Each structure stands twice: as C-alpha cells, then as structure tokens.
Amino acid sequence: MEDVVESVVAQTDGAKVVLVRLEIGHLSGVAIDALRFCFEICTHGTTLADATLDIHEIEGRARCRVCGCERDIDSLVTSCVCGSFEQDVLSGHELRLKEVEVI
C-alpha cells in the first residue's frame, strides 16, 4: 500500500485526492481488510488523507486445457468438472490501480 500511495502522490502533483479505486483479484493473495487498514495509515499526512478507497474484487476464472470448459474458481488447486487440473487462469490475479479522482 505504501507503494500505491507514493505513486499516486507523485503523479497527482500535489492535488487533493478524493478517491482511489483498485482492482484486486480473488486469487491474488491480498487480504482486503488489511489493505483498507493500511490505506488509512499510509495516507495520513498526505494529499490522500481522507480519500475514499474503493476496491473492486475480481473473481477467479479459468479455462481447462483438456475439455475447454471455462468456469469460476476459488482456488488455483480446483479441478475441472472433467477431473483435470490443467488450466489457464483467465482472471483473478489482478492487483491494479484503476482510477484516481482529484479535486
């Protein structure tokens, strides 16, 4: 979170930030509650102080390499309905700064 705050501060050139929007994949391993807590601490005394943190969680999705089935997944070790563990992860690993709103 410190890197996100530093990046936003550097790129907003001193403008007051009112919103930071992140996209975080369900499979990214990021603890969203911990991230929210860290945001409040890391933004204290910066142009992001009192900004709203909006987090959009992206579900995990995979395509089976054996049968071609596409499905939502909650874990990387979930087998396909055909029994195969060979899969390409299509979404869920994201950790992206999507939008910053300044005034």
PDB file of N, CA and C in Angstrom:
ATOM      1  N   MET A   1       0.825  -1.184   0.000  1.00  0.00           N
ATOM      2  CA  MET A   1       0.000   0.000   0.000  1.00  0.00           C
ATOM      3  C   MET A   1       0.870   1.249   0.000  1.00  0.00           C
ATOM      4  N   GLU A   2       2.027   1.187   0.662  1.00  0.00           N
ATOM      5  CA  GLU A   2       2.919   2.347   0.653  1.00  0.00           C
ATOM      6  C   GLU A   2       3.319   2.715  -0.777  1.00  0.00           C
ATOM      7  N   ASP A   3       3.595   1.723  -1.605  1.00  0.00           N
ATOM      8  CA  ASP A   3       3.968   1.983  -2.998  1.00  0.00           C
ATOM      9  C   ASP A   3       2.812   2.617  -3.778  1.00  0.00           C
ATOM     10  N   VAL A   4       1.592   2.164  -3.531  1.00  0.00           N
ATOM     11  CA  VAL A   4       0.424   2.742  -4.207  1.00  0.00           C
ATOM     12  C   VAL A   4       0.285   4.209  -3.817  1.00  0.00           C
ATOM     13  N   VAL A   5       0.364   4.490  -2.518  1.00  0.00           N
ATOM     14  CA  VAL A   5       0.221   5.869  -2.043  1.00  0.00           C
ATOM     15  C   VAL A   5       1.329   6.748  -2.610  1.00  0.00           C
ATOM     16  N   GLU A   6       2.571   6.280  -2.575  1.00  0.00           N
ATOM     17  CA  GLU A   6       3.690   7.058  -3.119  1.00  0.00           C
ATOM     18  C   GLU A   6       3.501   7.335  -4.601  1.00  0.00           C
ATOM     19  N   SER A   7       3.035   6.346  -5.339  1.00  0.00           N
ATOM     20  CA  SER A   7       2.815   6.507  -6.778  1.00  0.00           C
ATOM     21  C   SER A   7       1.727   7.543  -7.053  1.00  0.00           C
ATOM     22  N   VAL A   8       0.628   7.473  -6.319  1.00  0.00           N
ATOM     23  CA  VAL A   8      -0.474   8.419  -6.516  1.00  0.00           C
ATOM     24  C   VAL A   8      -0.028   9.828  -6.150  1.00  0.00           C
ATOM     25  N   VAL A   9       0.660   9.981  -5.033  1.00  0.00           N
ATOM     26  CA  VAL A   9       1.143  11.302  -4.618  1.00  0.00           C
ATOM     27  C   VAL A   9       2.062  11.886  -5.692  1.00  0.00           C
ATOM     28  N   ALA A  10       2.976  11.085  -6.213  1.00  0.00           N
ATOM     29  CA  ALA A  10       3.927  11.563  -7.222  1.00  0.00           C
ATOM     30  C   ALA A  10       3.230  11.970  -8.517  1.00  0.00           C
ATOM     31  N   GLN A  11       2.191  11.254  -8.888  1.00  0.00           N
ATOM     32  CA  GLN A  11       1.551  11.505 -10.180  1.00  0.00           C
ATOM     33  C   GLN A  11       0.420  12.536 -10.128  1.00  0.00           C
ATOM     34  N   THR A  12      -0.023  12.906  -8.930  1.00  0.00           N
ATOM     35  CA  THR A  12      -1.108  13.888  -8.838  1.00  0.00           C
ATOM     36  C   THR A  12      -0.594  15.290  -8.566  1.00  0.00           C
ATOM     37  N   ASP A  13       0.688  15.437  -8.453  1.00  0.00           N
ATOM     38  CA  ASP A  13       1.347  16.749  -8.376  1.00  0.00           C
ATOM     39  C   ASP A  13       0.737  17.678  -7.324  1.00  0.00           C
ATOM     40  N   GLY A  14       0.503  17.141  -6.126  1.00  0.00           N
ATOM     41  CA  GLY A  14       0.022  17.970  -5.029  1.00  0.00           C
ATOM     42  C   GLY A  14      -1.467  18.202  -4.980  1.00  0.00           C
ATOM     43  N   ALA A  15      -2.221  17.689  -5.945  1.00  0.00           N
ATOM     44  CA  ALA A  15      -3.677  17.858  -5.947  1.00  0.00           C
ATOM     45  C   ALA A  15      -4.299  16.996  -4.848  1.00  0.00           C
ATOM     46  N   LYS A  16      -5.404  17.452  -4.313  1.00  0.00           N
ATOM     47  CA  LYS A  16      -6.122  16.711  -3.276  1.00  0.00           C
ATOM     48  C   LYS A  16      -6.818  15.512  -3.908  1.00  0.00           C
ATOM     49  N   VAL A  17      -6.513  14.321  -3.425  1.00  0.00           N
ATOM     50  CA  VAL A  17      -7.101  13.088  -3.935  1.00  0.00           C
ATOM     51  C   VAL A  17      -8.327  12.747  -3.095  1.00  0.00           C
ATOM     52  N   VAL A  18      -9.441  12.475  -3.765  1.00  0.00           N
ATOM     53  CA  VAL A  18     -10.674  12.145  -3.052  1.00  0.00           C
ATOM     54  C   VAL A  18     -11.090  10.677  -3.222  1.00  0.00           C
ATOM     55  N   LEU A  19     -10.542  10.004  -4.231  1.00  0.00           N
ATOM     56  CA  LEU A  19     -10.905   8.615  -4.474  1.00  0.00           C
ATOM     57  C   LEU A  19      -9.731   7.858  -5.083  1.00  0.00           C
ATOM     58  N   VAL A  20      -9.494   6.676  -4.575  1.00  0.00           N
ATOM     59  CA  VAL A  20      -8.530   5.747  -5.166  1.00  0.00           C
ATOM     60  C   VAL A  20      -9.291   4.444  -5.399  1.00  0.00           C
ATOM     61  N   ARG A  21      -9.299   3.981  -6.645  1.00  0.00           N
ATOM     62  CA  ARG A  21     -10.016   2.761  -7.000  1.00  0.00           C
ATOM     63  C   ARG A  21      -9.005   1.691  -7.413  1.00  0.00           C
ATOM     64  N   LEU A  22      -9.099   0.543  -6.746  1.00  0.00           N
ATOM     65  CA  LEU A  22      -8.219  -0.583  -7.044  1.00  0.00           C
ATOM     66  C   LEU A  22      -9.035  -1.765  -7.551  1.00  0.00           C
ATOM     67  N   GLU A  23      -8.417  -2.580  -8.390  1.00  0.00           N
ATOM     68  CA  GLU A  23      -8.985  -3.866  -8.789  1.00  0.00           C
ATOM     69  C   GLU A  23      -8.062  -4.936  -8.213  1.00  0.00           C
ATOM     70  N   ILE A  24      -8.651  -5.839  -7.446  1.00  0.00           N
ATOM     71  CA  ILE A  24      -7.867  -6.876  -6.797  1.00  0.00           C
ATOM     72  C   ILE A  24      -8.501  -8.224  -7.095  1.00  0.00           C
ATOM     73  N   GLY A  25      -7.713  -9.112  -7.635  1.00  0.00           N
ATOM     74  CA  GLY A  25      -8.192 -10.449  -7.965  1.00  0.00           C
ATOM     75  C   GLY A  25      -8.345 -11.316  -6.733  1.00  0.00           C
ATOM     76  N   HIS A  26      -9.372 -12.136  -6.749  1.00  0.00           N
ATOM     77  CA  HIS A  26      -9.666 -13.045  -5.645  1.00  0.00           C
ATOM     78  C   HIS A  26      -8.509 -14.016  -5.398  1.00  0.00           C
ATOM     79  N   LEU A  27      -7.744 -14.320  -6.435  1.00  0.00           N
ATOM     80  CA  LEU A  27      -6.635 -15.269  -6.329  1.00  0.00           C
ATOM     81  C   LEU A  27      -5.291 -14.588  -6.078  1.00  0.00           C
ATOM     82  N   SER A  28      -5.290 -13.275  -5.875  1.00  0.00           N
ATOM     83  CA  SER A  28      -4.030 -12.523  -5.738  1.00  0.00           C
ATOM     84  C   SER A  28      -3.343 -12.728  -4.397  1.00  0.00           C
ATOM     85  N   GLY A  29      -4.064 -13.233  -3.416  1.00  0.00           N
ATOM     86  CA  GLY A  29      -3.485 -13.431  -2.096  1.00  0.00           C
ATOM     87  C   GLY A  29      -3.474 -12.185  -1.232  1.00  0.00           C
ATOM     88  N   VAL A  30      -4.158 -11.128  -1.674  1.00  0.00           N
ATOM     89  CA  VAL A  30      -4.200  -9.877  -0.928  1.00  0.00           C
ATOM     90  C   VAL A  30      -5.361  -9.925   0.070  1.00  0.00           C
ATOM     91  N   ALA A  31      -5.067  -9.601   1.312  1.00  0.00           N
ATOM     92  CA  ALA A  31      -6.101  -9.512   2.350  1.00  0.00           C
ATOM     93  C   ALA A  31      -6.716  -8.116   2.279  1.00  0.00           C
ATOM     94  N   ILE A  32      -7.919  -8.019   1.772  1.00  0.00           N
ATOM     95  CA  ILE A  32      -8.557  -6.731   1.509  1.00  0.00           C
ATOM     96  C   ILE A  32      -8.762  -5.926   2.792  1.00  0.00           C
ATOM     97  N   ASP A  33      -9.143  -6.577   3.873  1.00  0.00           N
ATOM     98  CA  ASP A  33      -9.325  -5.850   5.142  1.00  0.00           C
ATOM     99  C   ASP A  33      -8.006  -5.238   5.607  1.00  0.00           C
ATOM    100  N   ALA A  34      -6.933  -5.972   5.475  1.00  0.00           N
ATOM    101  CA  ALA A  34      -5.613  -5.451   5.858  1.00  0.00           C
ATOM    102  C   ALA A  34      -5.220  -4.290   4.952  1.00  0.00           C
ATOM    103  N   LEU A  35      -5.553  -4.387   3.680  1.00  0.00           N
ATOM    104  CA  LEU A  35      -5.244  -3.323   2.732  1.00  0.00           C
ATOM    105  C   LEU A  35      -5.991  -2.037   3.091  1.00  0.00           C
ATOM    106  N   ARG A  36      -7.249  -2.162   3.453  1.00  0.00           N
ATOM    107  CA  ARG A  36      -8.035  -0.995   3.869  1.00  0.00           C
ATOM    108  C   ARG A  36      -7.420  -0.343   5.114  1.00  0.00           C
ATOM    109  N   PHE A  37      -7.023  -1.151   6.071  1.00  0.00           N
ATOM    110  CA  PHE A  37      -6.403  -0.644   7.290  1.00  0.00           C
ATOM    111  C   PHE A  37      -5.094   0.082   6.952  1.00  0.00           C
ATOM    112  N   CYS A  38      -4.282  -0.507   6.112  1.00  0.00           N
ATOM    113  CA  CYS A  38      -3.001   0.101   5.722  1.00  0.00           C
ATOM    114  C   CYS A  38      -3.205   1.393   4.944  1.00  0.00           C
ATOM    115  N   PHE A  39      -4.256   1.466   4.141  1.00  0.00           N
ATOM    116  CA  PHE A  39      -4.526   2.667   3.363  1.00  0.00           C
ATOM    117  C   PHE A  39      -4.714   3.857   4.284  1.00  0.00           C
ATOM    118  N   GLU A  40      -5.505   3.667   5.320  1.00  0.00           N
ATOM    119  CA  GLU A  40      -5.766   4.752   6.258  1.00  0.00           C
ATOM    120  C   GLU A  40      -4.475   5.221   6.931  1.00  0.00           C
ATOM    121  N   ILE A  41      -3.632   4.294   7.287  1.00  0.00           N
ATOM    122  CA  ILE A  41      -2.359   4.643   7.945  1.00  0.00           C
ATOM    123  C   ILE A  41      -1.393   5.297   6.960  1.00  0.00           C
ATOM    124  N   CYS A  42      -1.266   4.734   5.784  1.00  0.00           N
ATOM    125  CA  CYS A  42      -0.296   5.226   4.792  1.00  0.00           C
ATOM    126  C   CYS A  42      -0.668   6.588   4.212  1.00  0.00           C
ATOM    127  N   THR A  43      -1.942   6.923   4.206  1.00  0.00           N
ATOM    128  CA  THR A  43      -2.356   8.199   3.612  1.00  0.00           C
ATOM    129  C   THR A  43      -2.340   9.345   4.614  1.00  0.00           C
ATOM    130  N   HIS A  44      -2.204   9.046   5.879  1.00  0.00           N
ATOM    131  CA  HIS A  44      -2.190  10.085   6.913  1.00  0.00           C
ATOM    132  C   HIS A  44      -1.088  11.106   6.618  1.00  0.00           C
ATOM    133  N   GLY A  45      -1.453  12.387   6.569  1.00  0.00           N
ATOM    134  CA  GLY A  45      -0.492  13.451   6.323  1.00  0.00           C
ATOM    135  C   GLY A  45      -0.111  13.647   4.862  1.00  0.00           C
ATOM    136  N   THR A  46      -0.839  12.992   3.948  1.00  0.00           N
ATOM    137  CA  THR A  46      -0.566  13.150   2.514  1.00  0.00           C
ATOM    138  C   THR A  46      -1.767  13.798   1.840  1.00  0.00           C
ATOM    139  N   THR A  47      -1.650  14.036   0.546  1.00  0.00           N
ATOM    140  CA  THR A  47      -2.782  14.582  -0.220  1.00  0.00           C
ATOM    141  C   THR A  47      -3.899  13.553  -0.389  1.00  0.00           C
ATOM    142  N   LEU A  48      -3.658  12.324   0.063  1.00  0.00           N
ATOM    143  CA  LEU A  48      -4.685  11.280   0.023  1.00  0.00           C
ATOM    144  C   LEU A  48      -5.427  11.144   1.344  1.00  0.00           C
ATOM    145  N   ALA A  49      -5.045  11.931   2.351  1.00  0.00           N
ATOM    146  CA  ALA A  49      -5.722  11.853   3.644  1.00  0.00           C
ATOM    147  C   ALA A  49      -7.212  12.099   3.439  1.00  0.00           C
ATOM    148  N   ASP A  50      -8.033  11.291   4.025  1.00  0.00           N
ATOM    149  CA  ASP A  50      -9.497  11.355   3.921  1.00  0.00           C
ATOM    150  C   ASP A  50     -10.040  10.907   2.571  1.00  0.00           C
ATOM    151  N   ALA A  51      -9.187  10.394   1.688  1.00  0.00           N
ATOM    152  CA  ALA A  51      -9.670   9.862   0.408  1.00  0.00           C
ATOM    153  C   ALA A  51     -10.423   8.559   0.651  1.00  0.00           C
ATOM    154  N   THR A  52     -11.323   8.260  -0.245  1.00  0.00           N
ATOM    155  CA  THR A  52     -12.066   7.005  -0.192  1.00  0.00           C
ATOM    156  C   THR A  52     -11.297   5.953  -0.974  1.00  0.00           C
ATOM    157  N   LEU A  53     -11.176   4.776  -0.395  1.00  0.00           N
ATOM    158  CA  LEU A  53     -10.575   3.643  -1.083  1.00  0.00           C
ATOM    159  C   LEU A  53     -11.704   2.738  -1.554  1.00  0.00           C
ATOM    160  N   ASP A  54     -11.823   2.570  -2.865  1.00  0.00           N
ATOM    161  CA  ASP A  54     -12.847   1.721  -3.464  1.00  0.00           C
ATOM    162  C   ASP A  54     -12.139   0.512  -4.058  1.00  0.00           C
ATOM    163  N   ILE A  55     -12.509  -0.655  -3.591  1.00  0.00           N
ATOM    164  CA  ILE A  55     -11.868  -1.881  -4.067  1.00  0.00           C
ATOM    165  C   ILE A  55     -12.898  -2.725  -4.796  1.00  0.00           C
ATOM    166  N   HIS A  56     -12.563  -3.078  -6.018  1.00  0.00           N
ATOM    167  CA  HIS A  56     -13.407  -3.955  -6.829  1.00  0.00           C
ATOM    168  C   HIS A  56     -12.680  -5.299  -6.884  1.00  0.00           C
ATOM    169  N   GLU A  57     -13.311  -6.328  -6.316  1.00  0.00           N
ATOM    170  CA  GLU A  57     -12.694  -7.653  -6.313  1.00  0.00           C
ATOM    171  C   GLU A  57     -13.101  -8.415  -7.572  1.00  0.00           C
ATOM    172  N   ILE A  58     -12.103  -8.972  -8.232  1.00  0.00           N
ATOM    173  CA  ILE A  58     -12.329  -9.711  -9.480  1.00  0.00           C
ATOM    174  C   ILE A  58     -12.282 -11.206  -9.183  1.00  0.00           C
ATOM    175  N   GLU A  59     -13.334 -11.884  -9.588  1.00  0.00           N
ATOM    176  CA  GLU A  59     -13.430 -13.323  -9.339  1.00  0.00           C
ATOM    177  C   GLU A  59     -12.389 -14.085 -10.151  1.00  0.00           C
ATOM    178  N   GLY A  60     -11.990 -15.225  -9.620  1.00  0.00           N
ATOM    179  CA  GLY A  60     -11.084 -16.111 -10.351  1.00  0.00           C
ATOM    180  C   GLY A  60     -11.839 -16.842 -11.441  1.00  0.00           C
ATOM    181  N   ARG A  61     -11.205 -16.973 -12.580  1.00  0.00           N
ATOM    182  CA  ARG A  61     -11.822 -17.670 -13.717  1.00  0.00           C
ATOM    183  C   ARG A  61     -10.728 -18.432 -14.444  1.00  0.00           C
ATOM    184  N   ALA A  62     -11.040 -19.649 -14.896  1.00  0.00           N
ATOM    185  CA  ALA A  62     -10.049 -20.489 -15.569  1.00  0.00           C
ATOM    186  C   ALA A  62     -10.678 -21.239 -16.741  1.00  0.00           C
ATOM    187  N   ARG A  63      -9.801 -21.632 -17.666  1.00  0.00           N
ATOM    188  CA  ARG A  63     -10.213 -22.465 -18.810  1.00  0.00           C
ATOM    189  C   ARG A  63      -9.416 -23.763 -18.740  1.00  0.00           C
ATOM    190  N   CYS A  64     -10.122 -24.866 -18.803  1.00  0.00           N
ATOM    191  CA  CYS A  64      -9.492 -26.181 -18.772  1.00  0.00           C
ATOM    192  C   CYS A  64      -8.772 -26.437 -20.090  1.00  0.00           C
ATOM    193  N   ARG A  65      -7.521 -26.900 -20.015  1.00  0.00           N
ATOM    194  CA  ARG A  65      -6.751 -27.214 -21.230  1.00  0.00           C
ATOM    195  C   ARG A  65      -7.182 -28.532 -21.858  1.00  0.00           C
ATOM    196  N   VAL A  66      -7.892 -29.367 -21.109  1.00  0.00           N
ATOM    197  CA  VAL A  66      -8.305 -30.667 -21.613  1.00  0.00           C
ATOM    198  C   VAL A  66      -9.650 -30.586 -22.323  1.00  0.00           C
ATOM    199  N   CYS A  67     -10.670 -30.055 -21.630  1.00  0.00           N
ATOM    200  CA  CYS A  67     -12.015 -30.051 -22.219  1.00  0.00           C
ATOM    201  C   CYS A  67     -12.465 -28.674 -22.711  1.00  0.00           C
ATOM    202  N   GLY A  68     -11.703 -27.610 -22.380  1.00  0.00           N
ATOM    203  CA  GLY A  68     -12.048 -26.270 -22.838  1.00  0.00           C
ATOM    204  C   GLY A  68     -13.101 -25.557 -22.000  1.00  0.00           C
ATOM    205  N   CYS A  69     -13.562 -26.185 -20.947  1.00  0.00           N
ATOM    206  CA  CYS A  69     -14.589 -25.599 -20.089  1.00  0.00           C
ATOM    207  C   CYS A  69     -14.042 -24.346 -19.389  1.00  0.00           C
ATOM    208  N   GLU A  70     -14.821 -23.276 -19.407  1.00  0.00           N
ATOM    209  CA  GLU A  70     -14.488 -22.054 -18.659  1.00  0.00           C
ATOM    210  C   GLU A  70     -15.378 -21.988 -17.449  1.00  0.00           C
ATOM    211  N   ARG A  71     -14.766 -21.683 -16.276  1.00  0.00           N
ATOM    212  CA  ARG A  71     -15.558 -21.644 -15.059  1.00  0.00           C
ATOM    213  C   ARG A  71     -14.929 -20.735 -14.022  1.00  0.00           C
ATOM    214  N   ASP A  72     -15.743 -20.311 -13.037  1.00  0.00           N
ATOM    215  CA  ASP A  72     -15.234 -19.545 -11.905  1.00  0.00           C
ATOM    216  C   ASP A  72     -14.501 -20.487 -10.973  1.00  0.00           C
ATOM    217  N   ILE A  73     -13.403 -19.991 -10.392  1.00  0.00           N
ATOM    218  CA  ILE A  73     -12.646 -20.796  -9.431  1.00  0.00           C
ATOM    219  C   ILE A  73     -12.363 -19.966  -8.183  1.00  0.00           C
ATOM    220  N   ASP A  74     -12.299 -20.648  -7.043  1.00  0.00           N
ATOM    221  CA  ASP A  74     -11.978 -20.008  -5.781  1.00  0.00           C
ATOM    222  C   ASP A  74     -10.538 -20.273  -5.358  1.00  0.00           C
ATOM    223  N   SER A  75      -9.904 -21.219  -6.037  1.00  0.00           N
ATOM    224  CA  SER A  75      -8.553 -21.636  -5.674  1.00  0.00           C
ATOM    225  C   SER A  75      -7.824 -22.112  -6.919  1.00  0.00           C
ATOM    226  N   LEU A  76      -6.495 -22.021  -6.879  1.00  0.00           N
ATOM    227  CA  LEU A  76      -5.698 -22.494  -8.012  1.00  0.00           C
ATOM    228  C   LEU A  76      -5.592 -24.014  -8.045  1.00  0.00           C
ATOM    229  N   VAL A  77      -6.008 -24.669  -6.976  1.00  0.00           N
ATOM    230  CA  VAL A  77      -5.918 -26.133  -6.919  1.00  0.00           C
ATOM    231  C   VAL A  77      -7.298 -26.779  -7.017  1.00  0.00           C
ATOM    232  N   THR A  78      -8.173 -26.163  -7.773  1.00  0.00           N
ATOM    233  CA  THR A  78      -9.509 -26.697  -8.017  1.00  0.00           C
ATOM    234  C   THR A  78      -9.507 -27.423  -9.353  1.00  0.00           C
ATOM    235  N   SER A  79      -9.999 -28.642  -9.345  1.00  0.00           N
ATOM    236  CA  SER A  79     -10.043 -29.392 -10.607  1.00  0.00           C
ATOM    237  C   SER A  79     -11.261 -28.990 -11.425  1.00  0.00           C
ATOM    238  N   CYS A  80     -11.159 -29.242 -12.703  1.00  0.00           N
ATOM    239  CA  CYS A  80     -12.277 -29.019 -13.624  1.00  0.00           C
ATOM    240  C   CYS A  80     -13.324 -30.105 -13.383  1.00  0.00           C
ATOM    241  N   VAL A  81     -14.514 -29.908 -13.939  1.00  0.00           N
ATOM    242  CA  VAL A  81     -15.562 -30.929 -13.833  1.00  0.00           C
ATOM    243  C   VAL A  81     -15.149 -32.226 -14.525  1.00  0.00           C
ATOM    244  N   CYS A  82     -14.197 -32.120 -15.488  1.00  0.00           N
ATOM    245  CA  CYS A  82     -13.712 -33.319 -16.176  1.00  0.00           C
ATOM    246  C   CYS A  82     -12.630 -34.037 -15.363  1.00  0.00           C
ATOM    247  N   GLY A  83     -12.199 -33.422 -14.242  1.00  0.00           N
ATOM    248  CA  GLY A  83     -11.194 -34.039 -13.377  1.00  0.00           C
ATOM    249  C   GLY A  83      -9.780 -33.525 -13.591  1.00  0.00           C
ATOM    250  N   SER A  84      -9.566 -32.745 -14.627  1.00  0.00           N
ATOM    251  CA  SER A  84      -8.221 -32.248 -14.942  1.00  0.00           C
ATOM    252  C   SER A  84      -7.854 -31.052 -14.063  1.00  0.00           C
ATOM    253  N   PHE A  85      -6.571 -30.984 -13.717  1.00  0.00           N
ATOM    254  CA  PHE A  85      -6.050 -29.816 -13.011  1.00  0.00           C
ATOM    255  C   PHE A  85      -5.288 -28.898 -13.963  1.00  0.00           C
ATOM    256  N   GLU A  86      -5.233 -29.262 -15.239  1.00  0.00           N
ATOM    257  CA  GLU A  86      -4.544 -28.447 -16.238  1.00  0.00           C
ATOM    258  C   GLU A  86      -5.473 -27.313 -16.653  1.00  0.00           C
ATOM    259  N   GLN A  87      -5.111 -26.099 -16.250  1.00  0.00           N
ATOM    260  CA  GLN A  87      -5.981 -24.968 -16.525  1.00  0.00           C
ATOM    261  C   GLN A  87      -5.168 -23.708 -16.750  1.00  0.00           C
ATOM    262  N   ASP A  88      -5.723 -22.823 -17.536  1.00  0.00           N
ATOM    263  CA  ASP A  88      -5.161 -21.493 -17.734  1.00  0.00           C
ATOM    264  C   ASP A  88      -6.026 -20.525 -16.947  1.00  0.00           C
ATOM    265  N   VAL A  89      -5.399 -19.767 -16.055  1.00  0.00           N
ATOM    266  CA  VAL A  89      -6.130 -18.785 -15.264  1.00  0.00           C
ATOM    267  C   VAL A  89      -6.388 -17.568 -16.143  1.00  0.00           C
ATOM    268  N   LEU A  90      -7.644 -17.187 -16.278  1.00  0.00           N
ATOM    269  CA  LEU A  90      -8.041 -16.062 -17.124  1.00  0.00           C
ATOM    270  C   LEU A  90      -8.172 -14.766 -16.337  1.00  0.00           C
ATOM    271  N   SER A  91      -8.566 -14.863 -15.083  1.00  0.00           N
ATOM    272  CA  SER A  91      -8.682 -13.673 -14.232  1.00  0.00           C
ATOM    273  C   SER A  91      -8.607 -14.091 -12.772  1.00  0.00           C
ATOM    274  N   GLY A  92      -8.312 -13.095 -11.934  1.00  0.00           N
ATOM    275  CA  GLY A  92      -8.255 -13.340 -10.511  1.00  0.00           C
ATOM    276  C   GLY A  92      -6.925 -13.010  -9.880  1.00  0.00           C
ATOM    277  N   HIS A  93      -5.893 -12.795 -10.697  1.00  0.00           N
ATOM    278  CA  HIS A  93      -4.566 -12.441 -10.188  1.00  0.00           C
ATOM    279  C   HIS A  93      -4.319 -10.934 -10.139  1.00  0.00           C
ATOM    280  N   GLU A  94      -5.260 -10.143 -10.579  1.00  0.00           N
ATOM    281  CA  GLU A  94      -5.071  -8.699 -10.739  1.00  0.00           C
ATOM    282  C   GLU A  94      -4.769  -7.991  -9.419  1.00  0.00           C
ATOM    283  N   LEU A  95      -3.937  -6.999  -9.517  1.00  0.00           N
ATOM    284  CA  LEU A  95      -3.706  -6.038  -8.438  1.00  0.00           C
ATOM    285  C   LEU A  95      -3.348  -4.754  -9.161  1.00  0.00           C
ATOM    286  N   ARG A  96      -4.377  -3.938  -9.413  1.00  0.00           N
ATOM    287  CA  ARG A  96      -4.215  -2.807 -10.323  1.00  0.00           C
ATOM    288  C   ARG A  96      -4.836  -1.544  -9.767  1.00  0.00           C
ATOM    289  N   LEU A  97      -4.102  -0.443  -9.930  1.00  0.00           N
ATOM    290  CA  LEU A  97      -4.630   0.880  -9.633  1.00  0.00           C
ATOM    291  C   LEU A  97      -5.463   1.284 -10.829  1.00  0.00           C
ATOM    292  N   LYS A  98      -6.760   1.337 -10.665  1.00  0.00           N
ATOM    293  CA  LYS A  98      -7.666   1.540 -11.786  1.00  0.00           C
ATOM    294  C   LYS A  98      -7.995   3.012 -12.029  1.00  0.00           C
ATOM    295  N   GLU A  99      -8.190   3.770 -10.930  1.00  0.00           N
ATOM    296  CA  GLU A  99      -8.636   5.150 -11.106  1.00  0.00           C
ATOM    297  C   GLU A  99      -8.284   5.978  -9.879  1.00  0.00           C
ATOM    298  N   VAL A 100      -7.976   7.249 -10.124  1.00  0.00           N
ATOM    299  CA  VAL A 100      -7.719   8.223  -9.062  1.00  0.00           C
ATOM    300  C   VAL A 100      -8.536   9.468  -9.393  1.00  0.00           C
ATOM    301  N   GLU A 101      -9.297   9.954  -8.422  1.00  0.00           N
ATOM    302  CA  GLU A 101     -10.087  11.167  -8.620  1.00  0.00           C
ATOM    303  C   GLU A 101      -9.504  12.277  -7.754  1.00  0.00           C
ATOM    304  N   VAL A 102      -9.237  13.418  -8.381  1.00  0.00           N
ATOM    305  CA  VAL A 102      -8.655  14.572  -7.669  1.00  0.00           C
ATOM    306  C   VAL A 102      -9.586  15.778  -7.809  1.00  0.00           C
ATOM    307  N   ILE A 103      -9.395  16.738  -6.875  1.00  0.00           N
ATOM    308  CA  ILE A 103     -10.163  17.987  -6.965  1.00  0.00           C
ATOM    309  C   ILE A 103      -9.199  19.157  -7.010  1.00  0.00           C
TER     310      ILE A 103
END
